[in-house]
PDB file of N, CA and C in Angstrom:
ATOM      1  N   MET A   1       1.196  -1.197  -0.190  1.00  0.00           N
ATOM      2  CA  MET A   1       0.021  -0.206  -0.336  1.00  0.00           C
ATOM      3  C   MET A   1       0.969   1.374   0.085  1.00  0.00           C
ATOM      4  N   SER A   2       0.258   2.343  -1.159  1.00  0.00           N
ATOM      5  CA  SER A   2       1.366   3.226  -0.948  1.00  0.00           C
ATOM      6  C   SER A   2       0.730   4.167  -0.479  1.00  0.00           C
ATOM      7  N   LYS A   3       1.851   5.394  -0.165  1.00  0.00           N
ATOM      8  CA  LYS A   3       1.672   6.500   0.781  1.00  0.00           C
ATOM      9  C   LYS A   3       0.967   7.929   0.011  1.00  0.00           C
ATOM     10  N   GLU A   4      -0.094   8.237   0.305  1.00  0.00           N
ATOM     11  CA  GLU A   4      -0.017   9.452  -0.922  1.00  0.00           C
ATOM     12  C   GLU A   4       1.173  10.363  -0.245  1.00  0.00           C
ATOM     13  N   ARG A   5       1.275  11.253  -1.457  1.00  0.00           N
ATOM     14  CA  ARG A   5       2.731  11.351  -1.410  1.00  0.00           C
ATOM     15  C   ARG A   5       2.370  13.324  -0.636  1.00  0.00           C
ATOM     16  N   PHE A   6       1.001  13.670  -1.655  1.00  0.00           N
ATOM     17  CA  PHE A   6       0.758  15.495  -0.434  1.00  0.00           C
ATOM     18  C   PHE A   6      -0.955  15.231  -0.288  1.00  0.00           C
ATOM     19  N   VAL A   7      -0.698  15.573   1.205  1.00  0.00           N
ATOM     20  CA  VAL A   7      -1.590  15.446   2.459  1.00  0.00           C
ATOM     21  C   VAL A   7      -2.168  17.103   2.982  1.00  0.00           C
ATOM     22  N   LEU A   8      -3.942  16.908   2.938  1.00  0.00           N
ATOM     23  CA  LEU A   8      -4.204  18.625   2.963  1.00  0.00           C
ATOM     24  C   LEU A   8      -4.498  18.186   4.805  1.00  0.00           C
ATOM     25  N   GLN A   9      -4.465  19.164   5.569  1.00  0.00           N
ATOM     26  CA  GLN A   9      -4.819  18.428   6.749  1.00  0.00           C
ATOM     27  C   GLN A   9      -5.634  20.051   7.376  1.00  0.00           C
ATOM     28  N   PRO A  10      -6.673  20.386   8.258  1.00  0.00           N
ATOM     29  CA  PRO A  10      -7.004  21.267   8.976  1.00  0.00           C
ATOM     30  C   PRO A  10      -5.968  21.211   9.737  1.00  0.00           C
ATOM     31  N   SER A  11      -5.364  23.304   9.878  1.00  0.00           N
ATOM     32  CA  SER A  11      -4.436  23.146  11.198  1.00  0.00           C
ATOM     33  C   SER A  11      -5.294  22.678  12.879  1.00  0.00           C
ATOM     34  N   LYS A  12      -4.432  22.644  13.256  1.00  0.00           N
ATOM     35  CA  LYS A  12      -5.051  21.995  14.768  1.00  0.00           C
ATOM     36  C   LYS A  12      -4.777  23.088  15.312  1.00  0.00           C
ATOM     37  N   GLU A  13      -3.140  24.539  14.847  1.00  0.00           N
ATOM     38  CA  GLU A  13      -2.816  25.297  16.076  1.00  0.00           C
ATOM     39  C   GLU A  13      -3.474  26.760  15.222  1.00  0.00           C
ATOM     40  N   MET A  14      -4.049  26.734  13.734  1.00  0.00           N
ATOM     41  CA  MET A  14      -4.650  27.882  13.351  1.00  0.00           C
ATOM     42  C   MET A  14      -5.583  27.937  12.457  1.00  0.00           C
ATOM     43  N   ARG A  15      -6.635  28.811  13.527  1.00  0.00           N
ATOM     44  CA  ARG A  15      -7.938  28.651  13.734  1.00  0.00           C
ATOM     45  C   ARG A  15      -8.350  29.589  11.630  1.00  0.00           C
ATOM     46  N   ASP A  16      -9.175  28.310  11.338  1.00  0.00           N
ATOM     47  CA  ASP A  16      -9.494  28.274   9.589  1.00  0.00           C
ATOM     48  C   ASP A  16      -8.227  28.801   9.069  1.00  0.00           C
ATOM     49  N   GLY A  17      -7.409  27.222   9.540  1.00  0.00           N
ATOM     50  CA  GLY A  17      -6.327  27.577   8.315  1.00  0.00           C
ATOM     51  C   GLY A  17      -5.422  26.218   8.264  1.00  0.00           C
ATOM     52  N   TRP A  18      -5.173  24.996   7.759  1.00  0.00           N
ATOM     53  CA  TRP A  18      -4.916  24.530   6.699  1.00  0.00           C
ATOM     54  C   TRP A  18      -2.838  23.814   6.789  1.00  0.00           C
ATOM     55  N   VAL A  19      -2.619  22.660   6.376  1.00  0.00           N
ATOM     56  CA  VAL A  19      -1.789  22.029   6.825  1.00  0.00           C
ATOM     57  C   VAL A  19      -1.409  21.535   5.196  1.00  0.00           C
ATOM     58  N   ALA A  20      -0.517  22.053   4.885  1.00  0.00           N
ATOM     59  CA  ALA A  20      -0.481  20.590   3.055  1.00  0.00           C
ATOM     60  C   ALA A  20       1.025  20.280   3.604  1.00  0.00           C
ATOM     61  N   THR A  21       1.127  19.009   3.425  1.00  0.00           N
ATOM     62  CA  THR A  21       2.551  18.490   3.579  1.00  0.00           C
ATOM     63  C   THR A  21       2.740  17.522   1.838  1.00  0.00           C
ATOM     64  N   ASP A  22       4.044  17.451   2.074  1.00  0.00           N
ATOM     65  CA  ASP A  22       4.537  16.204   0.898  1.00  0.00           C
ATOM     66  C   ASP A  22       5.461  15.656   1.355  1.00  0.00           C
ATOM     67  N   THR A  23       4.763  13.980   1.486  1.00  0.00           N
ATOM     68  CA  THR A  23       5.714  13.286   1.886  1.00  0.00           C
ATOM     69  C   THR A  23       7.189  12.992   1.578  1.00  0.00           C
ATOM     70  N   GLU A  24       7.098  12.823   0.640  1.00  0.00           N
ATOM     71  CA  GLU A  24       8.215  13.014  -0.038  1.00  0.00           C
ATOM     72  C   GLU A  24       9.350  13.641   0.138  1.00  0.00           C
ATOM     73  N   ASN A  25       9.212  15.216   0.141  1.00  0.00           N
ATOM     74  CA  ASN A  25      10.424  15.676  -0.191  1.00  0.00           C
ATOM     75  C   ASN A  25      10.017  16.076   1.150  1.00  0.00           C
ATOM     76  N   GLY A  26       8.931  16.092   2.778  1.00  0.00           N
ATOM     77  CA  GLY A  26       9.428  16.090   3.651  1.00  0.00           C
ATOM     78  C   GLY A  26       9.285  18.050   3.623  1.00  0.00           C
ATOM     79  N   ILE A  27       7.912  18.549   3.518  1.00  0.00           N
ATOM     80  CA  ILE A  27       7.621  19.425   3.267  1.00  0.00           C
ATOM     81  C   ILE A  27       6.316  19.973   3.221  1.00  0.00           C
ATOM     82  N   VAL A  28       6.439  20.960   4.532  1.00  0.00           N
ATOM     83  CA  VAL A  28       4.718  21.689   5.572  1.00  0.00           C
ATOM     84  C   VAL A  28       4.904  22.853   4.700  1.00  0.00           C
ATOM     85  N   LEU A  29       3.723  23.126   4.528  1.00  0.00           N
ATOM     86  CA  LEU A  29       2.751  24.715   4.138  1.00  0.00           C
ATOM     87  C   LEU A  29       1.931  24.687   4.991  1.00  0.00           C
ATOM     88  N   ARG A  30       1.566  25.379   5.901  1.00  0.00           N
ATOM     89  CA  ARG A  30       0.630  26.293   6.653  1.00  0.00           C
ATOM     90  C   ARG A  30       0.230  27.337   6.125  1.00  0.00           C
ATOM     91  N   PHE A  31      -1.151  27.542   6.233  1.00  0.00           N
ATOM     92  CA  PHE A  31      -1.498  28.529   5.536  1.00  0.00           C
ATOM     93  C   PHE A  31      -2.805  29.248   6.392  1.00  0.00           C
ATOM     94  N   GLU A  32      -3.569  30.226   5.895  1.00  0.00           N
ATOM     95  CA  GLU A  32      -4.804  30.205   6.074  1.00  0.00           C
ATOM     96  C   GLU A  32      -5.641  30.386   4.968  1.00  0.00           C
ATOM     97  N   ASN A  33      -7.289  29.749   5.200  1.00  0.00           N
ATOM     98  CA  ASN A  33      -8.113  29.513   4.322  1.00  0.00           C
ATOM     99  C   ASN A  33      -8.458  30.426   3.043  1.00  0.00           C
ATOM    100  N   HIS A  34      -8.621  30.623   2.404  1.00  0.00           N
ATOM    101  CA  HIS A  34      -8.752  31.596   1.475  1.00  0.00           C
ATOM    102  C   HIS A  34      -7.278  32.740   0.996  1.00  0.00           C
ATOM    103  N   ARG A  35      -5.906  32.456   1.454  1.00  0.00           N
ATOM    104  CA  ARG A  35      -5.045  33.911   1.765  1.00  0.00           C
ATOM    105  C   ARG A  35      -3.615  33.190   1.750  1.00  0.00           C
ATOM    106  N   PHE A  36      -3.365  32.136   0.801  1.00  0.00           N
ATOM    107  CA  PHE A  36      -2.390  31.256   0.716  1.00  0.00           C
ATOM    108  C   PHE A  36      -1.317  32.123   0.771  1.00  0.00           C
ATOM    109  N   ASN A  37      -1.401  33.087  -1.261  1.00  0.00           N
ATOM    110  CA  ASN A  37      -0.427  33.944  -1.009  1.00  0.00           C
ATOM    111  C   ASN A  37       0.409  34.789   0.086  1.00  0.00           C
ATOM    112  N   ASP A  38      -1.240  35.367   1.129  1.00  0.00           N
ATOM    113  CA  ASP A  38      -0.348  36.200   2.008  1.00  0.00           C
ATOM    114  C   ASP A  38       0.037  36.045   3.622  1.00  0.00           C
ATOM    115  N   THR A  39      -0.123  34.629   3.410  1.00  0.00           N
ATOM    116  CA  THR A  39       0.084  33.910   4.940  1.00  0.00           C
ATOM    117  C   THR A  39       0.651  32.652   4.695  1.00  0.00           C
ATOM    118  N   VAL A  40       1.321  31.934   3.886  1.00  0.00           N
ATOM    119  CA  VAL A  40       1.738  30.755   3.680  1.00  0.00           C
ATOM    120  C   VAL A  40       3.304  31.095   4.529  1.00  0.00           C
ATOM    121  N   ARG A  41       3.396  29.521   5.238  1.00  0.00           N
ATOM    122  CA  ARG A  41       5.197  29.413   5.681  1.00  0.00           C
ATOM    123  C   ARG A  41       5.416  28.242   5.849  1.00  0.00           C
ATOM    124  N   CYS A  42       6.657  27.977   5.119  1.00  0.00           N
ATOM    125  CA  CYS A  42       7.465  26.967   4.921  1.00  0.00           C
ATOM    126  C   CYS A  42       8.154  26.217   5.938  1.00  0.00           C
ATOM    127  N   THR A  43       8.123  24.920   6.216  1.00  0.00           N
ATOM    128  CA  THR A  43       8.233  24.226   6.957  1.00  0.00           C
ATOM    129  C   THR A  43       9.622  22.813   5.999  1.00  0.00           C
ATOM    130  N   PRO A  44      10.766  22.808   6.515  1.00  0.00           N
ATOM    131  CA  PRO A  44      11.177  21.483   5.885  1.00  0.00           C
ATOM    132  C   PRO A  44      11.424  20.741   7.222  1.00  0.00           C
ATOM    133  N   LEU A  45      10.905  19.223   6.447  1.00  0.00           N
ATOM    134  CA  LEU A  45      11.263  18.360   7.678  1.00  0.00           C
ATOM    135  C   LEU A  45      12.113  16.834   6.978  1.00  0.00           C
ATOM    136  N   LEU A  46      13.301  17.575   6.796  1.00  0.00           N
ATOM    137  CA  LEU A  46      14.069  16.740   5.970  1.00  0.00           C
ATOM    138  C   LEU A  46      14.272  15.591   7.093  1.00  0.00           C
ATOM    139  N   ALA A  47      14.222  14.436   6.897  1.00  0.00           N
ATOM    140  CA  ALA A  47      14.482  13.268   8.318  1.00  0.00           C
ATOM    141  C   ALA A  47      16.206  13.014   8.149  1.00  0.00           C
ATOM    142  N   ASP A  48      16.399  13.241   7.029  1.00  0.00           N
ATOM    143  CA  ASP A  48      18.100  12.833   7.259  1.00  0.00           C
ATOM    144  C   ASP A  48      18.808  13.767   8.001  1.00  0.00           C
ATOM    145  N   GLY A  49      17.739  15.045   8.733  1.00  0.00           N
ATOM    146  CA  GLY A  49      19.000  16.087   9.541  1.00  0.00           C
ATOM    147  C   GLY A  49      19.427  17.288   8.349  1.00  0.00           C
ATOM    148  N   ARG A  50      19.478  16.646   7.025  1.00  0.00           N
ATOM    149  CA  ARG A  50      20.336  17.929   6.792  1.00  0.00           C
ATOM    150  C   ARG A  50      19.596  18.784   5.892  1.00  0.00           C
ATOM    151  N   GLU A  51      19.576  20.718   5.859  1.00  0.00           N
ATOM    152  CA  GLU A  51      19.055  21.559   5.166  1.00  0.00           C
ATOM    153  C   GLU A  51      19.540  21.643   3.852  1.00  0.00           C
ATOM    154  N   PRO A  52      17.881  21.382   2.804  1.00  0.00           N
ATOM    155  CA  PRO A  52      18.029  21.532   1.736  1.00  0.00           C
ATOM    156  C   PRO A  52      18.599  22.660   0.862  1.00  0.00           C
ATOM    157  N   THR A  53      18.619  22.180  -0.468  1.00  0.00           N
ATOM    158  CA  THR A  53      19.619  23.276  -1.276  1.00  0.00           C
ATOM    159  C   THR A  53      18.245  24.328  -1.564  1.00  0.00           C
ATOM    160  N   ALA A  54      18.674  25.621  -1.960  1.00  0.00           N
ATOM    161  CA  ALA A  54      17.870  26.448  -2.189  1.00  0.00           C
ATOM    162  C   ALA A  54      17.135  25.934  -3.348  1.00  0.00           C
ATOM    163  N   ILE A  55      17.552  25.190  -4.209  1.00  0.00           N
ATOM    164  CA  ILE A  55      16.336  24.821  -5.761  1.00  0.00           C
ATOM    165  C   ILE A  55      16.304  23.874  -5.168  1.00  0.00           C
ATOM    166  N   GLU A  56      15.640  22.420  -4.218  1.00  0.00           N
ATOM    167  CA  GLU A  56      15.509  21.360  -3.174  1.00  0.00           C
ATOM    168  C   GLU A  56      13.959  22.060  -3.004  1.00  0.00           C
ATOM    169  N   LEU A  57      14.279  22.588  -1.960  1.00  0.00           N
ATOM    170  CA  LEU A  57      13.483  23.948  -1.542  1.00  0.00           C
ATOM    171  C   LEU A  57      12.236  24.793  -2.738  1.00  0.00           C
ATOM    172  N   ALA A  58      12.714  25.232  -3.573  1.00  0.00           N
ATOM    173  CA  ALA A  58      12.186  25.921  -4.363  1.00  0.00           C
ATOM    174  C   ALA A  58      11.085  25.123  -4.897  1.00  0.00           C
ATOM    175  N   THR A  59      12.120  23.796  -5.555  1.00  0.00           N
ATOM    176  CA  THR A  59      11.131  22.826  -6.357  1.00  0.00           C
ATOM    177  C   THR A  59       9.784  21.918  -5.655  1.00  0.00           C
ATOM    178  N   ALA A  60      10.337  21.704  -4.097  1.00  0.00           N
ATOM    179  CA  ALA A  60       9.111  21.071  -4.233  1.00  0.00           C
ATOM    180  C   ALA A  60       8.070  22.035  -3.442  1.00  0.00           C
ATOM    181  N   ILE A  61       8.114  23.320  -2.854  1.00  0.00           N
ATOM    182  CA  ILE A  61       7.430  24.167  -2.532  1.00  0.00           C
ATOM    183  C   ILE A  61       6.118  24.269  -3.845  1.00  0.00           C
ATOM    184  N   ARG A  62       7.331  24.692  -5.157  1.00  0.00           N
ATOM    185  CA  ARG A  62       6.652  25.035  -6.597  1.00  0.00           C
ATOM    186  C   ARG A  62       5.301  23.025  -6.129  1.00  0.00           C
ATOM    187  N   GLU A  63       6.176  22.340  -6.350  1.00  0.00           N
ATOM    188  CA  GLU A  63       5.223  20.729  -6.598  1.00  0.00           C
ATOM    189  C   GLU A  63       3.927  21.078  -5.776  1.00  0.00           C
ATOM    190  N   LEU A  64       4.099  21.474  -4.234  1.00  0.00           N
ATOM    191  CA  LEU A  64       2.570  20.893  -3.518  1.00  0.00           C
ATOM    192  C   LEU A  64       2.078  22.304  -3.708  1.00  0.00           C
ATOM    193  N   ALA A  65       2.651  23.363  -4.331  1.00  0.00           N
ATOM    194  CA  ALA A  65       1.717  24.644  -4.330  1.00  0.00           C
ATOM    195  C   ALA A  65       0.699  24.257  -5.218  1.00  0.00           C
ATOM    196  N   ASP A  66       1.558  23.793  -6.516  1.00  0.00           N
ATOM    197  CA  ASP A  66       0.794  23.711  -7.888  1.00  0.00           C
ATOM    198  C   ASP A  66      -0.636  21.833  -7.283  1.00  0.00           C
ATOM    199  N   TRP A  67       0.063  20.911  -6.931  1.00  0.00           N
ATOM    200  CA  TRP A  67      -0.900  20.406  -6.224  1.00  0.00           C
ATOM    201  C   TRP A  67      -1.905  20.984  -5.866  1.00  0.00           C
ATOM    202  N   LEU A  68      -2.168  21.998  -5.035  1.00  0.00           N
ATOM    203  CA  LEU A  68      -2.460  22.744  -4.000  1.00  0.00           C
ATOM    204  C   LEU A  68      -4.004  23.323  -5.117  1.00  0.00           C
ATOM    205  N   ARG A  69      -2.943  24.572  -5.716  1.00  0.00           N
ATOM    206  CA  ARG A  69      -3.798  25.120  -6.959  1.00  0.00           C
ATOM    207  C   ARG A  69      -4.411  24.385  -8.102  1.00  0.00           C
ATOM    208  N   GLU A  70      -4.047  22.972  -7.990  1.00  0.00           N
ATOM    209  CA  GLU A  70      -4.825  21.909  -8.974  1.00  0.00           C
ATOM    210  C   GLU A  70      -6.124  21.611  -8.655  1.00  0.00           C
ATOM    211  N   SER A  71      -5.829  20.822  -7.257  1.00  0.00           N
ATOM    212  CA  SER A  71      -6.698  19.519  -6.387  1.00  0.00           C
ATOM    213  C   SER A  71      -7.934  20.544  -5.165  1.00  0.00           C
ATOM    214  N   HIS A  72      -7.185  22.000  -4.575  1.00  0.00           N
ATOM    215  CA  HIS A  72      -7.714  22.081  -3.519  1.00  0.00           C
ATOM    216  C   HIS A  72      -7.987  23.714  -3.742  1.00  0.00           C
ATOM    217  N   TYR A  73      -7.833  24.225  -4.960  1.00  0.00           N
ATOM    218  CA  TYR A  73      -8.008  25.681  -5.607  1.00  0.00           C
ATOM    219  C   TYR A  73      -9.239  26.947  -4.479  1.00  0.00           C
ATOM    220  N   ASP A  74      -9.901  26.178  -4.140  1.00  0.00           N
ATOM    221  CA  ASP A  74     -11.246  26.708  -3.208  1.00  0.00           C
ATOM    222  C   ASP A  74     -10.834  26.702  -1.450  1.00  0.00           C
ATOM    223  N   LYS A  75      -9.818  26.112  -1.336  1.00  0.00           N
ATOM    224  CA  LYS A  75      -9.489  26.350  -0.310  1.00  0.00           C
ATOM    225  C   LYS A  75      -8.159  27.466  -0.136  1.00  0.00           C
ATOM    226  N   ILE A  76      -6.957  27.694  -0.959  1.00  0.00           N
ATOM    227  CA  ILE A  76      -5.995  28.539  -1.702  1.00  0.00           C
ATOM    228  C   ILE A  76      -6.793  29.725  -1.667  1.00  0.00           C
ATOM    229  N   PHE A  77      -8.115  30.385  -2.646  1.00  0.00           N
ATOM    230  CA  PHE A  77      -7.971  31.635  -3.155  1.00  0.00           C
ATOM    231  C   PHE A  77      -9.718  31.675  -2.697  1.00  0.00           C
TER     232      PHE A  77
END
């Protein structure tokens, strides 16, 4: 059984917020409902303890944001 690469869950800490996770790249985006561009915060959670390069981080964020736009447009805008 394969794990989903992208997961979206309601935030437990942020009222009216969301937590989007890229399980493959270990990136978490947190944002307020309908205010993605104004409120998004990124946390890299790499299991091996190393810091991602700027290119790795930018690519992972773009892929997760693209998935959010395609699959959950109603939550980001």
